[in-house]
Amino acid sequence: MGLVRMVLMIYVYILVATALLSWFPSNGAPLQSVKRALHLITEPVVGPVRKALPSTGGIDFSVMIVTLVLLFIARII
């Protein structure tokens, strides 16, 4: 169970990094490639949640919801 919890926590850190990097413009190639890689990792999980949520006027709560669910799962494991 420790390995599963560790993988969940790493994914949570990736989600947080993706959310934080979305605040910054990606003018440079290194930042753009990092953002693209993180997006490829997180979008399969965040995308369906984003589609299921109603529109909130430009604020994306899907990352927060996925993060909270993963933290809950890691807590009960």
PDB file of N, CA and C in Angstrom:
ATOM      1  N   MET A   1       0.815  -1.198   0.000  1.00  0.00           N
ATOM      2  CA  MET A   1       0.000   0.000   0.000  1.00  0.00           C
ATOM      3  C   MET A   1       0.860   1.264   0.000  1.00  0.00           C
ATOM      4  N   GLY A   2       2.062   1.162   0.530  1.00  0.00           N
ATOM      5  CA  GLY A   2       2.937   2.322   0.551  1.00  0.00           C
ATOM      6  C   GLY A   2       3.300   2.792  -0.842  1.00  0.00           C
ATOM      7  N   LEU A   3       3.475   1.860  -1.771  1.00  0.00           N
ATOM      8  CA  LEU A   3       3.818   2.216  -3.144  1.00  0.00           C
ATOM      9  C   LEU A   3       2.658   2.935  -3.828  1.00  0.00           C
ATOM     10  N   VAL A   4       1.440   2.452  -3.601  1.00  0.00           N
ATOM     11  CA  VAL A   4       0.260   3.091  -4.193  1.00  0.00           C
ATOM     12  C   VAL A   4       0.107   4.504  -3.648  1.00  0.00           C
ATOM     13  N   ARG A   5       0.278   4.667  -2.355  1.00  0.00           N
ATOM     14  CA  ARG A   5       0.181   6.002  -1.749  1.00  0.00           C
ATOM     15  C   ARG A   5       1.249   6.934  -2.312  1.00  0.00           C
ATOM     16  N   MET A   6       2.452   6.410  -2.505  1.00  0.00           N
ATOM     17  CA  MET A   6       3.533   7.232  -3.043  1.00  0.00           C
ATOM     18  C   MET A   6       3.226   7.660  -4.483  1.00  0.00           C
ATOM     19  N   VAL A   7       2.705   6.753  -5.290  1.00  0.00           N
ATOM     20  CA  VAL A   7       2.346   7.089  -6.670  1.00  0.00           C
ATOM     21  C   VAL A   7       1.235   8.138  -6.690  1.00  0.00           C
ATOM     22  N   LEU A   8       0.245   7.988  -5.811  1.00  0.00           N
ATOM     23  CA  LEU A   8      -0.827   8.978  -5.735  1.00  0.00           C
ATOM     24  C   LEU A   8      -0.294  10.349  -5.346  1.00  0.00           C
ATOM     25  N   MET A   9       0.621  10.389  -4.402  1.00  0.00           N
ATOM     26  CA  MET A   9       1.170  11.669  -3.953  1.00  0.00           C
ATOM     27  C   MET A   9       2.034  12.305  -5.047  1.00  0.00           C
ATOM     28  N   ILE A  10       2.776  11.509  -5.782  1.00  0.00           N
ATOM     29  CA  ILE A  10       3.558  12.046  -6.896  1.00  0.00           C
ATOM     30  C   ILE A  10       2.622  12.648  -7.939  1.00  0.00           C
ATOM     31  N   TYR A  11       1.516  11.970  -8.214  1.00  0.00           N
ATOM     32  CA  TYR A  11       0.549  12.488  -9.176  1.00  0.00           C
ATOM     33  C   TYR A  11      -0.075  13.787  -8.671  1.00  0.00           C
ATOM     34  N   VAL A  12      -0.327  13.879  -7.377  1.00  0.00           N
ATOM     35  CA  VAL A  12      -0.847  15.130  -6.801  1.00  0.00           C
ATOM     36  C   VAL A  12       0.164  16.252  -7.002  1.00  0.00           C
ATOM     37  N   TYR A  13       1.441  15.978  -6.786  1.00  0.00           N
ATOM     38  CA  TYR A  13       2.471  16.999  -6.999  1.00  0.00           C
ATOM     39  C   TYR A  13       2.516  17.428  -8.466  1.00  0.00           C
ATOM     40  N   ILE A  14       2.345  16.476  -9.373  1.00  0.00           N
ATOM     41  CA  ILE A  14       2.314  16.805 -10.794  1.00  0.00           C
ATOM     42  C   ILE A  14       1.105  17.685 -11.116  1.00  0.00           C
ATOM     43  N   LEU A  15      -0.040  17.368 -10.512  1.00  0.00           N
ATOM     44  CA  LEU A  15      -1.236  18.200 -10.712  1.00  0.00           C
ATOM     45  C   LEU A  15      -1.011  19.625 -10.213  1.00  0.00           C
ATOM     46  N   VAL A  16      -0.409  19.759  -9.057  1.00  0.00           N
ATOM     47  CA  VAL A  16      -0.141  21.088  -8.500  1.00  0.00           C
ATOM     48  C   VAL A  16       0.839  21.844  -9.392  1.00  0.00           C
ATOM     49  N   ALA A  17       1.872  21.163  -9.858  1.00  0.00           N
ATOM     50  CA  ALA A  17       2.840  21.812 -10.749  1.00  0.00           C
ATOM     51  C   ALA A  17       2.171  22.265 -12.038  1.00  0.00           C
ATOM     52  N   THR A  18       1.286  21.441 -12.573  1.00  0.00           N
ATOM     53  CA  THR A  18       0.567  21.809 -13.791  1.00  0.00           C
ATOM     54  C   THR A  18      -0.288  23.047 -13.553  1.00  0.00           C
ATOM     55  N   ALA A  19      -0.978  23.083 -12.421  1.00  0.00           N
ATOM     56  CA  ALA A  19      -1.831  24.235 -12.112  1.00  0.00           C
ATOM     57  C   ALA A  19      -0.990  25.505 -11.928  1.00  0.00           C
ATOM     58  N   LEU A  20       0.129  25.394 -11.238  1.00  0.00           N
ATOM     59  CA  LEU A  20       0.977  26.567 -11.021  1.00  0.00           C
ATOM     60  C   LEU A  20       1.598  27.062 -12.317  1.00  0.00           C
ATOM     61  N   LEU A  21       2.046  26.143 -13.159  1.00  0.00           N
ATOM     62  CA  LEU A  21       2.663  26.548 -14.419  1.00  0.00           C
ATOM     63  C   LEU A  21       1.653  27.162 -15.384  1.00  0.00           C
ATOM     64  N   SER A  22       0.387  26.864 -15.200  1.00  0.00           N
ATOM     65  CA  SER A  22      -0.621  27.450 -16.089  1.00  0.00           C
ATOM     66  C   SER A  22      -0.755  28.956 -15.871  1.00  0.00           C
ATOM     67  N   TRP A  23      -0.249  29.460 -14.768  1.00  0.00           N
ATOM     68  CA  TRP A  23      -0.320  30.889 -14.491  1.00  0.00           C
ATOM     69  C   TRP A  23       0.736  31.681 -15.244  1.00  0.00           C
ATOM     70  N   PHE A  24       1.757  31.003 -15.756  1.00  0.00           N
ATOM     71  CA  PHE A  24       2.882  31.683 -16.388  1.00  0.00           C
ATOM     72  C   PHE A  24       2.842  31.492 -17.902  1.00  0.00           C
ATOM     73  N   PRO A  25       3.155  32.545 -18.637  1.00  0.00           N
ATOM     74  CA  PRO A  25       3.214  32.383 -20.096  1.00  0.00           C
ATOM     75  C   PRO A  25       4.404  31.504 -20.468  1.00  0.00           C
ATOM     76  N   SER A  26       4.240  30.728 -21.502  1.00  0.00           N
ATOM     77  CA  SER A  26       5.309  29.813 -21.902  1.00  0.00           C
ATOM     78  C   SER A  26       5.981  30.333 -23.162  1.00  0.00           C
ATOM     79  N   ASN A  27       6.716  31.418 -23.004  1.00  0.00           N
ATOM     80  CA  ASN A  27       7.412  32.016 -24.138  1.00  0.00           C
ATOM     81  C   ASN A  27       8.641  31.210 -24.537  1.00  0.00           C
ATOM     82  N   GLY A  28       9.306  30.620 -23.553  1.00  0.00           N
ATOM     83  CA  GLY A  28      10.523  29.870 -23.836  1.00  0.00           C
ATOM     84  C   GLY A  28      10.255  28.416 -24.147  1.00  0.00           C
ATOM     85  N   ALA A  29      11.114  27.827 -24.922  1.00  0.00           N
ATOM     86  CA  ALA A  29      10.951  26.426 -25.314  1.00  0.00           C
ATOM     87  C   ALA A  29      11.051  25.463 -24.131  1.00  0.00           C
ATOM     88  N   PRO A  30      11.970  25.653 -23.168  1.00  0.00           N
ATOM     89  CA  PRO A  30      12.031  24.686 -22.061  1.00  0.00           C
ATOM     90  C   PRO A  30      10.742  24.648 -21.233  1.00  0.00           C
ATOM     91  N   LEU A  31      10.202  25.806 -20.926  1.00  0.00           N
ATOM     92  CA  LEU A  31       8.969  25.841 -20.142  1.00  0.00           C
ATOM     93  C   LEU A  31       7.810  25.247 -20.930  1.00  0.00           C
ATOM     94  N   GLN A  32       7.763  25.518 -22.211  1.00  0.00           N
ATOM     95  CA  GLN A  32       6.696  24.972 -23.049  1.00  0.00           C
ATOM     96  C   GLN A  32       6.749  23.450 -23.075  1.00  0.00           C
ATOM     97  N   SER A  33       7.932  22.881 -23.165  1.00  0.00           N
ATOM     98  CA  SER A  33       8.038  21.421 -23.214  1.00  0.00           C
ATOM     99  C   SER A  33       7.671  20.797 -21.874  1.00  0.00           C
ATOM    100  N   VAL A  34       8.004  21.459 -20.778  1.00  0.00           N
ATOM    101  CA  VAL A  34       7.616  20.954 -19.460  1.00  0.00           C
ATOM    102  C   VAL A  34       6.102  21.003 -19.307  1.00  0.00           C
ATOM    103  N   LYS A  35       5.506  22.117 -19.695  1.00  0.00           N
ATOM    104  CA  LYS A  35       4.050  22.245 -19.605  1.00  0.00           C
ATOM    105  C   LYS A  35       3.348  21.209 -20.472  1.00  0.00           C
ATOM    106  N   ARG A  36       3.873  20.948 -21.648  1.00  0.00           N
ATOM    107  CA  ARG A  36       3.276  19.966 -22.545  1.00  0.00           C
ATOM    108  C   ARG A  36       3.375  18.557 -21.950  1.00  0.00           C
ATOM    109  N   ALA A  37       4.517  18.225 -21.365  1.00  0.00           N
ATOM    110  CA  ALA A  37       4.696  16.903 -20.760  1.00  0.00           C
ATOM    111  C   ALA A  37       3.754  16.716 -19.573  1.00  0.00           C
ATOM    112  N   LEU A  38       3.641  17.732 -18.724  1.00  0.00           N
ATOM    113  CA  LEU A  38       2.745  17.637 -17.574  1.00  0.00           C
ATOM    114  C   LEU A  38       1.291  17.539 -18.023  1.00  0.00           C
ATOM    115  N   HIS A  39       0.947  18.252 -19.071  1.00  0.00           N
ATOM    116  CA  HIS A  39      -0.419  18.200 -19.607  1.00  0.00           C
ATOM    117  C   HIS A  39      -0.742  16.792 -20.124  1.00  0.00           C
ATOM    118  N   LEU A  40       0.211  16.177 -20.797  1.00  0.00           N
ATOM    119  CA  LEU A  40       0.002  14.816 -21.300  1.00  0.00           C
ATOM    120  C   LEU A  40      -0.201  13.816 -20.167  1.00  0.00           C
ATOM    121  N   ILE A  41       0.450  14.067 -19.039  1.00  0.00           N
ATOM    122  CA  ILE A  41       0.333  13.162 -17.892  1.00  0.00           C
ATOM    123  C   ILE A  41      -0.995  13.367 -17.170  1.00  0.00           C
ATOM    124  N   THR A  42      -1.441  14.600 -17.038  1.00  0.00           N
ATOM    125  CA  THR A  42      -2.608  14.890 -16.209  1.00  0.00           C
ATOM    126  C   THR A  42      -3.930  14.904 -16.964  1.00  0.00           C
ATOM    127  N   GLU A  43      -3.911  15.189 -18.240  1.00  0.00           N
ATOM    128  CA  GLU A  43      -5.160  15.365 -18.978  1.00  0.00           C
ATOM    129  C   GLU A  43      -6.045  14.113 -19.026  1.00  0.00           C
ATOM    130  N   PRO A  44      -5.493  12.888 -19.084  1.00  0.00           N
ATOM    131  CA  PRO A  44      -6.393  11.720 -19.086  1.00  0.00           C
ATOM    132  C   PRO A  44      -7.268  11.612 -17.835  1.00  0.00           C
ATOM    133  N   VAL A  45      -6.815  12.165 -16.725  1.00  0.00           N
ATOM    134  CA  VAL A  45      -7.602  12.124 -15.489  1.00  0.00           C
ATOM    135  C   VAL A  45      -8.427  13.393 -15.328  1.00  0.00           C
ATOM    136  N   VAL A  46      -7.839  14.539 -15.605  1.00  0.00           N
ATOM    137  CA  VAL A  46      -8.495  15.824 -15.378  1.00  0.00           C
ATOM    138  C   VAL A  46      -9.535  16.126 -16.463  1.00  0.00           C
ATOM    139  N   GLY A  47      -9.269  15.707 -17.680  1.00  0.00           N
ATOM    140  CA  GLY A  47     -10.160  16.013 -18.801  1.00  0.00           C
ATOM    141  C   GLY A  47     -11.595  15.558 -18.598  1.00  0.00           C
ATOM    142  N   PRO A  48     -11.837  14.290 -18.237  1.00  0.00           N
ATOM    143  CA  PRO A  48     -13.222  13.855 -18.017  1.00  0.00           C
ATOM    144  C   PRO A  48     -13.916  14.594 -16.873  1.00  0.00           C
ATOM    145  N   VAL A  49     -13.160  14.939 -15.836  1.00  0.00           N
ATOM    146  CA  VAL A  49     -13.745  15.696 -14.722  1.00  0.00           C
ATOM    147  C   VAL A  49     -14.108  17.096 -15.206  1.00  0.00           C
ATOM    148  N   ARG A  50     -13.245  17.696 -16.001  1.00  0.00           N
ATOM    149  CA  ARG A  50     -13.507  19.033 -16.538  1.00  0.00           C
ATOM    150  C   ARG A  50     -14.770  19.041 -17.400  1.00  0.00           C
ATOM    151  N   LYS A  51     -14.950  17.992 -18.200  1.00  0.00           N
ATOM    152  CA  LYS A  51     -16.136  17.907 -19.059  1.00  0.00           C
ATOM    153  C   LYS A  51     -17.410  17.683 -18.250  1.00  0.00           C
ATOM    154  N   ALA A  52     -17.306  17.006 -17.114  1.00  0.00           N
ATOM    155  CA  ALA A  52     -18.483  16.704 -16.295  1.00  0.00           C
ATOM    156  C   ALA A  52     -18.937  17.898 -15.473  1.00  0.00           C
ATOM    157  N   LEU A  53     -18.041  18.834 -15.207  1.00  0.00           N
ATOM    158  CA  LEU A  53     -18.388  19.997 -14.391  1.00  0.00           C
ATOM    159  C   LEU A  53     -19.097  21.055 -15.222  1.00  0.00           C
ATOM    160  N   PRO A  54     -20.010  21.786 -14.603  1.00  0.00           N
ATOM    161  CA  PRO A  54     -20.635  22.894 -15.325  1.00  0.00           C
ATOM    162  C   PRO A  54     -19.636  24.032 -15.521  1.00  0.00           C
ATOM    163  N   SER A  55     -19.895  24.876 -16.489  1.00  0.00           N
ATOM    164  CA  SER A  55     -19.021  26.010 -16.767  1.00  0.00           C
ATOM    165  C   SER A  55     -19.044  26.977 -15.587  1.00  0.00           C
ATOM    166  N   THR A  56     -17.866  27.446 -15.188  1.00  0.00           N
ATOM    167  CA  THR A  56     -17.774  28.353 -14.039  1.00  0.00           C
ATOM    168  C   THR A  56     -17.194  29.709 -14.427  1.00  0.00           C
ATOM    169  N   GLY A  57     -17.258  30.051 -15.670  1.00  0.00           N
ATOM    170  CA  GLY A  57     -16.808  31.378 -16.080  1.00  0.00           C
ATOM    171  C   GLY A  57     -15.309  31.538 -16.133  1.00  0.00           C
ATOM    172  N   GLY A  58     -14.592  30.541 -16.587  1.00  0.00           N
ATOM    173  CA  GLY A  58     -13.147  30.666 -16.753  1.00  0.00           C
ATOM    174  C   GLY A  58     -12.316  30.097 -15.631  1.00  0.00           C
ATOM    175  N   ILE A  59     -12.926  29.687 -14.547  1.00  0.00           N
ATOM    176  CA  ILE A  59     -12.188  29.092 -13.447  1.00  0.00           C
ATOM    177  C   ILE A  59     -12.320  27.579 -13.555  1.00  0.00           C
ATOM    178  N   ASP A  60     -11.170  26.889 -13.580  1.00  0.00           N
ATOM    179  CA  ASP A  60     -11.157  25.447 -13.746  1.00  0.00           C
ATOM    180  C   ASP A  60     -10.984  24.775 -12.381  1.00  0.00           C
ATOM    181  N   PHE A  61     -12.061  24.176 -11.891  1.00  0.00           N
ATOM    182  CA  PHE A  61     -12.021  23.495 -10.600  1.00  0.00           C
ATOM    183  C   PHE A  61     -11.666  22.018 -10.728  1.00  0.00           C
ATOM    184  N   SER A  62     -11.483  21.519 -11.932  1.00  0.00           N
ATOM    185  CA  SER A  62     -11.267  20.089 -12.124  1.00  0.00           C
ATOM    186  C   SER A  62      -9.967  19.615 -11.478  1.00  0.00           C
ATOM    187  N   VAL A  63      -8.914  20.400 -11.557  1.00  0.00           N
ATOM    188  CA  VAL A  63      -7.642  20.006 -10.945  1.00  0.00           C
ATOM    189  C   VAL A  63      -7.797  19.916  -9.430  1.00  0.00           C
ATOM    190  N   MET A  64      -8.509  20.864  -8.844  1.00  0.00           N
ATOM    191  CA  MET A  64      -8.716  20.846  -7.405  1.00  0.00           C
ATOM    192  C   MET A  64      -9.544  19.633  -6.986  1.00  0.00           C
ATOM    193  N   ILE A  65     -10.565  19.312  -7.749  1.00  0.00           N
ATOM    194  CA  ILE A  65     -11.415  18.168  -7.413  1.00  0.00           C
ATOM    195  C   ILE A  65     -10.629  16.865  -7.518  1.00  0.00           C
ATOM    196  N   VAL A  66      -9.871  16.708  -8.597  1.00  0.00           N
ATOM    197  CA  VAL A  66      -9.061  15.494  -8.756  1.00  0.00           C
ATOM    198  C   VAL A  66      -8.030  15.398  -7.637  1.00  0.00           C
ATOM    199  N   THR A  67      -7.408  16.510  -7.286  1.00  0.00           N
ATOM    200  CA  THR A  67      -6.423  16.517  -6.204  1.00  0.00           C
ATOM    201  C   THR A  67      -7.052  16.098  -4.886  1.00  0.00           C
ATOM    202  N   LEU A  68      -8.204  16.652  -4.566  1.00  0.00           N
ATOM    203  CA  LEU A  68      -8.873  16.291  -3.317  1.00  0.00           C
ATOM    204  C   LEU A  68      -9.278  14.820  -3.290  1.00  0.00           C
ATOM    205  N   VAL A  69      -9.760  14.302  -4.414  1.00  0.00           N
ATOM    206  CA  VAL A  69     -10.130  12.888  -4.471  1.00  0.00           C
ATOM    207  C   VAL A  69      -8.903  12.002  -4.289  1.00  0.00           C
ATOM    208  N   LEU A  70      -7.800  12.345  -4.942  1.00  0.00           N
ATOM    209  CA  LEU A  70      -6.579  11.552  -4.790  1.00  0.00           C
ATOM    210  C   LEU A  70      -6.033  11.614  -3.375  1.00  0.00           C
ATOM    211  N   LEU A  71      -6.089  12.784  -2.760  1.00  0.00           N
ATOM    212  CA  LEU A  71      -5.648  12.893  -1.360  1.00  0.00           C
ATOM    213  C   LEU A  71      -6.531  12.073  -0.439  1.00  0.00           C
ATOM    214  N   PHE A  72      -7.820  12.058  -0.704  1.00  0.00           N
ATOM    215  CA  PHE A  72      -8.743  11.240   0.090  1.00  0.00           C
ATOM    216  C   PHE A  72      -8.421   9.758  -0.068  1.00  0.00           C
ATOM    217  N   ILE A  73      -8.204   9.336  -1.301  1.00  0.00           N
ATOM    218  CA  ILE A  73      -7.870   7.928  -1.552  1.00  0.00           C
ATOM    219  C   ILE A  73      -6.550   7.570  -0.876  1.00  0.00           C
ATOM    220  N   ALA A  74      -5.548   8.448  -0.975  1.00  0.00           N
ATOM    221  CA  ALA A  74      -4.258   8.180  -0.330  1.00  0.00           C
ATOM    222  C   ALA A  74      -4.411   8.106   1.184  1.00  0.00           C
ATOM    223  N   ARG A  75      -5.324   8.884   1.727  1.00  0.00           N
ATOM    224  CA  ARG A  75      -5.529   8.894   3.183  1.00  0.00           C
ATOM    225  C   ARG A  75      -6.172   7.588   3.672  1.00  0.00           C
ATOM    226  N   ILE A  76      -7.109   7.048   2.887  1.00  0.00           N
ATOM    227  CA  ILE A  76      -7.793   5.851   3.359  1.00  0.00           C
ATOM    228  C   ILE A  76      -7.023   4.565   3.041  1.00  0.00           C
ATOM    229  N   ILE A  77      -6.020   4.649   2.174  1.00  0.00           N
ATOM    230  CA  ILE A  77      -5.222   3.449   1.881  1.00  0.00           C
ATOM    231  C   ILE A  77      -4.295   3.166   3.035  1.00  0.00           C
TER     232      ILE A  77
END
